[in-house]
Every structure is written in C-alpha cells, then in structure tokens.
N, C-alpha and C. Protein backbone atom coordinates (compact mmCIF):
# COMPACT_ATOMS: atom_id res chain seq x y z
N MET A 1 -16.97 -14.88 -13.12
CA MET A 1 -16.20 -13.67 -13.36
C MET A 1 -15.53 -13.25 -12.06
N PRO A 2 -14.22 -13.09 -12.07
CA PRO A 2 -13.53 -12.67 -10.84
C PRO A 2 -13.55 -11.15 -10.66
N TYR A 3 -13.46 -10.75 -9.40
CA TYR A 3 -13.36 -9.35 -9.02
C TYR A 3 -12.13 -9.20 -8.13
N ILE A 4 -11.35 -8.17 -8.40
CA ILE A 4 -10.25 -7.83 -7.50
C ILE A 4 -10.75 -6.70 -6.61
N ILE A 5 -10.67 -6.92 -5.31
CA ILE A 5 -11.11 -5.93 -4.34
C ILE A 5 -9.90 -5.50 -3.51
N VAL A 6 -9.65 -4.20 -3.56
CA VAL A 6 -8.52 -3.63 -2.80
C VAL A 6 -9.11 -2.79 -1.67
N THR A 7 -8.73 -3.13 -0.45
CA THR A 7 -9.14 -2.38 0.73
C THR A 7 -7.89 -1.72 1.32
N THR A 8 -7.98 -0.42 1.60
CA THR A 8 -6.85 0.27 2.20
C THR A 8 -7.28 0.93 3.50
N ARG A 9 -6.31 1.13 4.37
CA ARG A 9 -6.51 1.87 5.63
C ARG A 9 -5.26 2.70 5.87
N PHE A 10 -5.48 3.94 6.28
CA PHE A 10 -4.35 4.81 6.58
C PHE A 10 -4.77 5.85 7.60
N PRO A 11 -3.80 6.38 8.34
CA PRO A 11 -4.10 7.37 9.38
C PRO A 11 -4.74 8.64 8.78
N LEU A 12 -5.61 9.25 9.56
CA LEU A 12 -6.28 10.48 9.12
C LEU A 12 -5.29 11.55 8.68
N ASN A 13 -4.19 11.67 9.40
CA ASN A 13 -3.22 12.72 9.08
C ASN A 13 -2.41 12.43 7.81
N LYS A 14 -2.64 11.30 7.18
CA LYS A 14 -1.95 10.95 5.94
C LYS A 14 -2.87 11.09 4.71
N ALA A 15 -4.08 11.59 4.91
CA ALA A 15 -5.07 11.66 3.83
C ALA A 15 -4.58 12.47 2.64
N LYS A 16 -4.00 13.64 2.90
CA LYS A 16 -3.53 14.50 1.81
C LYS A 16 -2.40 13.82 1.04
N GLU A 17 -1.48 13.20 1.76
CA GLU A 17 -0.36 12.49 1.13
C GLU A 17 -0.86 11.33 0.26
N VAL A 18 -1.82 10.58 0.78
CA VAL A 18 -2.39 9.46 0.03
C VAL A 18 -3.11 9.97 -1.21
N ALA A 19 -3.90 11.03 -1.07
CA ALA A 19 -4.63 11.59 -2.20
C ALA A 19 -3.68 12.06 -3.30
N GLN A 20 -2.60 12.72 -2.90
CA GLN A 20 -1.62 13.18 -3.87
C GLN A 20 -0.95 12.01 -4.58
N LYS A 21 -0.62 10.97 -3.82
CA LYS A 21 0.01 9.78 -4.40
C LYS A 21 -0.96 9.08 -5.36
N TYR A 22 -2.23 9.04 -4.99
CA TYR A 22 -3.26 8.40 -5.83
C TYR A 22 -3.35 9.11 -7.18
N ILE A 23 -3.43 10.43 -7.16
CA ILE A 23 -3.53 11.19 -8.41
C ILE A 23 -2.28 10.99 -9.26
N GLU A 24 -1.13 11.05 -8.62
CA GLU A 24 0.15 10.84 -9.32
C GLU A 24 0.20 9.46 -9.97
N GLU A 25 -0.17 8.44 -9.23
CA GLU A 25 -0.12 7.07 -9.75
C GLU A 25 -1.14 6.83 -10.86
N ARG A 26 -2.33 7.41 -10.72
CA ARG A 26 -3.36 7.25 -11.77
C ARG A 26 -2.91 7.90 -13.07
N GLN A 27 -2.17 9.01 -12.97
CA GLN A 27 -1.67 9.66 -14.18
C GLN A 27 -0.54 8.86 -14.83
N LYS A 28 0.34 8.31 -13.99
CA LYS A 28 1.47 7.52 -14.51
C LYS A 28 1.02 6.15 -15.03
N ASN A 29 0.09 5.53 -14.30
CA ASN A 29 -0.35 4.17 -14.61
C ASN A 29 -1.88 4.10 -14.60
N PRO A 30 -2.53 4.60 -15.65
CA PRO A 30 -3.99 4.56 -15.67
C PRO A 30 -4.50 3.11 -15.74
N PRO A 31 -5.75 2.90 -15.38
CA PRO A 31 -6.32 1.55 -15.45
C PRO A 31 -6.18 0.98 -16.86
N ASP A 32 -5.88 -0.29 -16.93
CA ASP A 32 -5.76 -0.98 -18.22
C ASP A 32 -7.09 -1.65 -18.52
N ARG A 33 -7.86 -1.07 -19.40
CA ARG A 33 -9.20 -1.57 -19.71
C ARG A 33 -9.17 -2.92 -20.44
N SER A 34 -8.00 -3.32 -20.93
CA SER A 34 -7.92 -4.64 -21.56
C SER A 34 -7.92 -5.75 -20.51
N LEU A 35 -7.66 -5.37 -19.23
CA LEU A 35 -7.63 -6.36 -18.15
C LEU A 35 -8.95 -6.45 -17.40
N GLY A 36 -9.70 -5.35 -17.38
CA GLY A 36 -10.96 -5.37 -16.64
C GLY A 36 -11.60 -4.00 -16.59
N LYS A 37 -12.71 -3.94 -15.88
CA LYS A 37 -13.51 -2.72 -15.77
C LYS A 37 -13.60 -2.32 -14.29
N GLU A 38 -13.30 -1.06 -14.01
CA GLU A 38 -13.46 -0.57 -12.65
C GLU A 38 -14.94 -0.47 -12.34
N ILE A 39 -15.36 -1.18 -11.30
CA ILE A 39 -16.75 -1.15 -10.86
C ILE A 39 -16.94 -0.07 -9.80
N LEU A 40 -15.97 0.03 -8.91
CA LEU A 40 -16.01 1.02 -7.83
C LEU A 40 -14.60 1.56 -7.65
N GLN A 41 -14.48 2.87 -7.76
CA GLN A 41 -13.16 3.50 -7.67
C GLN A 41 -13.07 4.32 -6.40
N GLY A 42 -12.34 3.82 -5.44
CA GLY A 42 -12.01 4.60 -4.25
C GLY A 42 -13.17 5.05 -3.39
N ALA A 43 -14.09 4.18 -3.06
CA ALA A 43 -15.12 4.52 -2.08
C ALA A 43 -14.42 4.71 -0.73
N ILE A 44 -14.85 5.71 0.02
CA ILE A 44 -14.09 6.11 1.22
C ILE A 44 -15.01 6.30 2.42
N MET A 45 -14.47 6.00 3.61
CA MET A 45 -15.22 6.22 4.85
C MET A 45 -14.23 6.38 6.01
N ALA A 46 -14.69 7.05 7.05
CA ALA A 46 -13.91 7.12 8.28
C ALA A 46 -14.09 5.82 9.04
N ASP A 47 -13.02 5.32 9.61
CA ASP A 47 -13.05 4.06 10.34
C ASP A 47 -12.21 4.24 11.62
N GLY A 48 -12.85 4.81 12.63
CA GLY A 48 -12.13 5.10 13.87
C GLY A 48 -11.11 6.20 13.63
N ASP A 49 -9.84 5.90 13.91
CA ASP A 49 -8.79 6.89 13.72
C ASP A 49 -8.10 6.75 12.36
N LYS A 50 -8.73 6.00 11.46
CA LYS A 50 -8.16 5.79 10.13
C LYS A 50 -9.21 6.07 9.07
N ILE A 51 -8.75 6.16 7.85
CA ILE A 51 -9.62 6.24 6.69
C ILE A 51 -9.53 4.90 5.98
N LYS A 52 -10.67 4.43 5.52
CA LYS A 52 -10.74 3.15 4.82
C LYS A 52 -11.30 3.40 3.42
N THR A 53 -10.68 2.79 2.42
CA THR A 53 -11.19 2.88 1.06
C THR A 53 -11.32 1.48 0.48
N ILE A 54 -12.19 1.37 -0.53
CA ILE A 54 -12.26 0.12 -1.30
C ILE A 54 -12.36 0.47 -2.77
N GLY A 55 -11.83 -0.41 -3.57
CA GLY A 55 -11.94 -0.31 -5.02
C GLY A 55 -12.22 -1.70 -5.55
N ILE A 56 -13.06 -1.78 -6.58
CA ILE A 56 -13.43 -3.08 -7.14
C ILE A 56 -13.23 -3.04 -8.65
N THR A 57 -12.55 -4.06 -9.16
CA THR A 57 -12.36 -4.22 -10.60
C THR A 57 -12.91 -5.57 -11.02
N GLU A 58 -13.76 -5.55 -12.04
CA GLU A 58 -14.27 -6.78 -12.65
C GLU A 58 -13.25 -7.21 -13.70
N VAL A 59 -12.66 -8.36 -13.52
CA VAL A 59 -11.56 -8.83 -14.37
C VAL A 59 -12.11 -9.57 -15.58
N LYS A 60 -11.54 -9.27 -16.73
CA LYS A 60 -11.95 -9.96 -17.96
C LYS A 60 -11.46 -11.40 -17.92
N GLU A 61 -12.20 -12.25 -18.60
CA GLU A 61 -11.87 -13.67 -18.63
C GLU A 61 -10.46 -13.89 -19.16
N GLY A 62 -9.71 -14.71 -18.42
CA GLY A 62 -8.34 -15.05 -18.82
C GLY A 62 -7.31 -13.99 -18.47
N LYS A 63 -7.71 -12.93 -17.79
CA LYS A 63 -6.79 -11.84 -17.48
C LYS A 63 -6.50 -11.73 -15.98
N GLY A 64 -6.88 -12.74 -15.21
CA GLY A 64 -6.75 -12.70 -13.75
C GLY A 64 -5.33 -12.49 -13.26
N ASP A 65 -4.41 -13.29 -13.74
CA ASP A 65 -3.01 -13.18 -13.29
C ASP A 65 -2.44 -11.81 -13.62
N GLU A 66 -2.65 -11.38 -14.86
CA GLU A 66 -2.12 -10.10 -15.31
C GLU A 66 -2.73 -8.93 -14.51
N ALA A 67 -4.03 -9.00 -14.27
CA ALA A 67 -4.72 -7.94 -13.51
C ALA A 67 -4.24 -7.91 -12.06
N LEU A 68 -4.02 -9.07 -11.48
CA LEU A 68 -3.54 -9.13 -10.10
C LEU A 68 -2.12 -8.57 -9.98
N ILE A 69 -1.28 -8.88 -10.93
CA ILE A 69 0.09 -8.35 -10.93
C ILE A 69 0.07 -6.83 -11.08
N LYS A 70 -0.75 -6.32 -11.99
CA LYS A 70 -0.85 -4.86 -12.17
C LYS A 70 -1.37 -4.20 -10.89
N THR A 71 -2.32 -4.83 -10.24
CA THR A 71 -2.87 -4.28 -8.99
C THR A 71 -1.79 -4.22 -7.92
N GLN A 72 -1.07 -5.30 -7.74
CA GLN A 72 0.00 -5.34 -6.73
C GLN A 72 1.10 -4.33 -7.06
N ASP A 73 1.49 -4.27 -8.32
CA ASP A 73 2.52 -3.31 -8.73
C ASP A 73 2.08 -1.88 -8.42
N GLY A 74 0.79 -1.60 -8.59
CA GLY A 74 0.26 -0.27 -8.32
C GLY A 74 0.28 0.10 -6.85
N MET A 75 0.28 -0.88 -5.99
CA MET A 75 0.27 -0.61 -4.54
C MET A 75 1.66 -0.34 -3.99
N VAL A 76 2.70 -0.71 -4.70
CA VAL A 76 4.07 -0.55 -4.23
C VAL A 76 4.39 0.92 -3.94
N ALA A 77 3.86 1.83 -4.73
CA ALA A 77 4.14 3.26 -4.55
C ALA A 77 3.71 3.76 -3.17
N TYR A 78 2.74 3.10 -2.56
CA TYR A 78 2.21 3.53 -1.27
C TYR A 78 3.02 3.02 -0.08
N HIS A 79 3.98 2.14 -0.33
CA HIS A 79 4.78 1.57 0.75
C HIS A 79 5.56 2.64 1.52
N VAL A 80 5.80 3.78 0.91
CA VAL A 80 6.57 4.85 1.56
C VAL A 80 5.72 5.67 2.54
N ILE A 81 4.42 5.47 2.53
CA ILE A 81 3.53 6.25 3.40
C ILE A 81 3.37 5.52 4.73
N GLU A 82 3.84 6.14 5.78
CA GLU A 82 3.79 5.54 7.12
C GLU A 82 2.36 5.27 7.54
N GLY A 83 2.11 4.04 7.98
CA GLY A 83 0.79 3.65 8.47
C GLY A 83 -0.18 3.19 7.39
N TYR A 84 0.26 3.20 6.13
CA TYR A 84 -0.61 2.78 5.02
C TYR A 84 -0.66 1.25 4.98
N GLU A 85 -1.85 0.71 4.96
CA GLU A 85 -2.06 -0.75 4.90
C GLU A 85 -3.01 -1.04 3.75
N TYR A 86 -2.84 -2.19 3.14
CA TYR A 86 -3.79 -2.59 2.10
C TYR A 86 -3.93 -4.10 2.06
N LYS A 87 -5.04 -4.51 1.47
CA LYS A 87 -5.32 -5.93 1.30
C LYS A 87 -5.92 -6.10 -0.09
N ILE A 88 -5.42 -7.07 -0.83
CA ILE A 88 -5.94 -7.38 -2.15
C ILE A 88 -6.61 -8.75 -2.06
N GLU A 89 -7.88 -8.80 -2.46
CA GLU A 89 -8.63 -10.06 -2.41
C GLU A 89 -9.27 -10.32 -3.77
N ILE A 90 -9.52 -11.59 -4.05
CA ILE A 90 -10.21 -11.98 -5.27
C ILE A 90 -11.53 -12.65 -4.88
N PHE A 91 -12.60 -12.14 -5.45
CA PHE A 91 -13.93 -12.71 -5.25
C PHE A 91 -14.44 -13.21 -6.60
N PHE A 92 -15.34 -14.18 -6.56
CA PHE A 92 -15.91 -14.72 -7.79
C PHE A 92 -17.42 -14.55 -7.77
N SER A 93 -18.01 -14.29 -8.94
CA SER A 93 -19.43 -14.01 -9.04
C SER A 93 -20.22 -15.28 -9.36
N LEU A 94 -20.22 -16.19 -8.46
CA LEU A 94 -20.88 -17.48 -8.65
C LEU A 94 -22.35 -17.32 -9.00
N PHE A 95 -23.08 -16.53 -8.22
CA PHE A 95 -24.52 -16.45 -8.41
C PHE A 95 -24.92 -15.75 -9.69
N SER A 96 -24.23 -14.70 -10.09
CA SER A 96 -24.60 -14.02 -11.33
C SER A 96 -24.35 -14.92 -12.53
N ASP A 97 -23.28 -15.72 -12.47
CA ASP A 97 -23.01 -16.65 -13.57
C ASP A 97 -24.08 -17.73 -13.64
N LEU A 98 -24.48 -18.26 -12.48
CA LEU A 98 -25.53 -19.28 -12.47
C LEU A 98 -26.87 -18.73 -12.93
N CYS A 99 -27.20 -17.52 -12.52
CA CYS A 99 -28.46 -16.90 -12.93
C CYS A 99 -28.47 -16.64 -14.43
N ALA A 100 -27.33 -16.24 -14.98
CA ALA A 100 -27.25 -15.99 -16.41
C ALA A 100 -27.47 -17.29 -17.19
N GLU A 101 -26.92 -18.39 -16.68
CA GLU A 101 -27.12 -19.69 -17.32
C GLU A 101 -28.59 -20.09 -17.35
N LYS A 102 -29.31 -19.79 -16.28
CA LYS A 102 -30.71 -20.18 -16.14
C LYS A 102 -31.70 -19.10 -16.62
N ASN A 103 -31.13 -18.00 -17.17
CA ASN A 103 -31.95 -16.86 -17.62
C ASN A 103 -32.83 -16.30 -16.51
N LEU A 104 -32.27 -16.19 -15.31
CA LEU A 104 -33.01 -15.64 -14.16
C LEU A 104 -32.72 -14.18 -13.99
C-alpha cells in the first residue's frame, strides 16, 4: 500500500497566510476519499526559523497516479507564498503487507 507524504516548510511570518490558504483550498478542493484516506493531516512543528508540517495519505490500490496528480495540483496554490517549500514523497508499506500475508 503506498503512502503520499507531503512535507512543507515556510517562514514563521507566513504562518497566518499559509493557514488562510490551507482553509481556502480545503473548502474548494476537499480530500477525495475515492483516492485514499488521510492518515495524518497537517502535523506541525517549529523548525528553527521556519514552520514544518507533514501530511500523510494512504492511497487506495490502483489510485496512485491520480492521487499524486491531485496532491501536486493542490500544492500549486501555495506557489504565491514567498518562502514556501514543499516535498512530495511516496512510501510503500512493505512490512505491513508481509505481516498481513503471514498473519503476524
């Protein structure tokens, strides 16, 4: 089972702008549950002079490409925020799948 993990970093002074953009985007483009399930939504921490967030979505089988495109499309709105950075990664749950096969 693949997971899409989005990590963001932005300057402390942009927190309010990012939060407003996040709410706006979630209202316009809510998560598509046909593509996957949000496991972690916007966990946040201070990271030096920036704020760092992560979000994790468990992608449904056969929906990887579509989920990745939706994730990338959702990040475009943040390009206007100075200093906003993000990274989209795909992880796979090798061990949980193997354990399920062996009933562990």
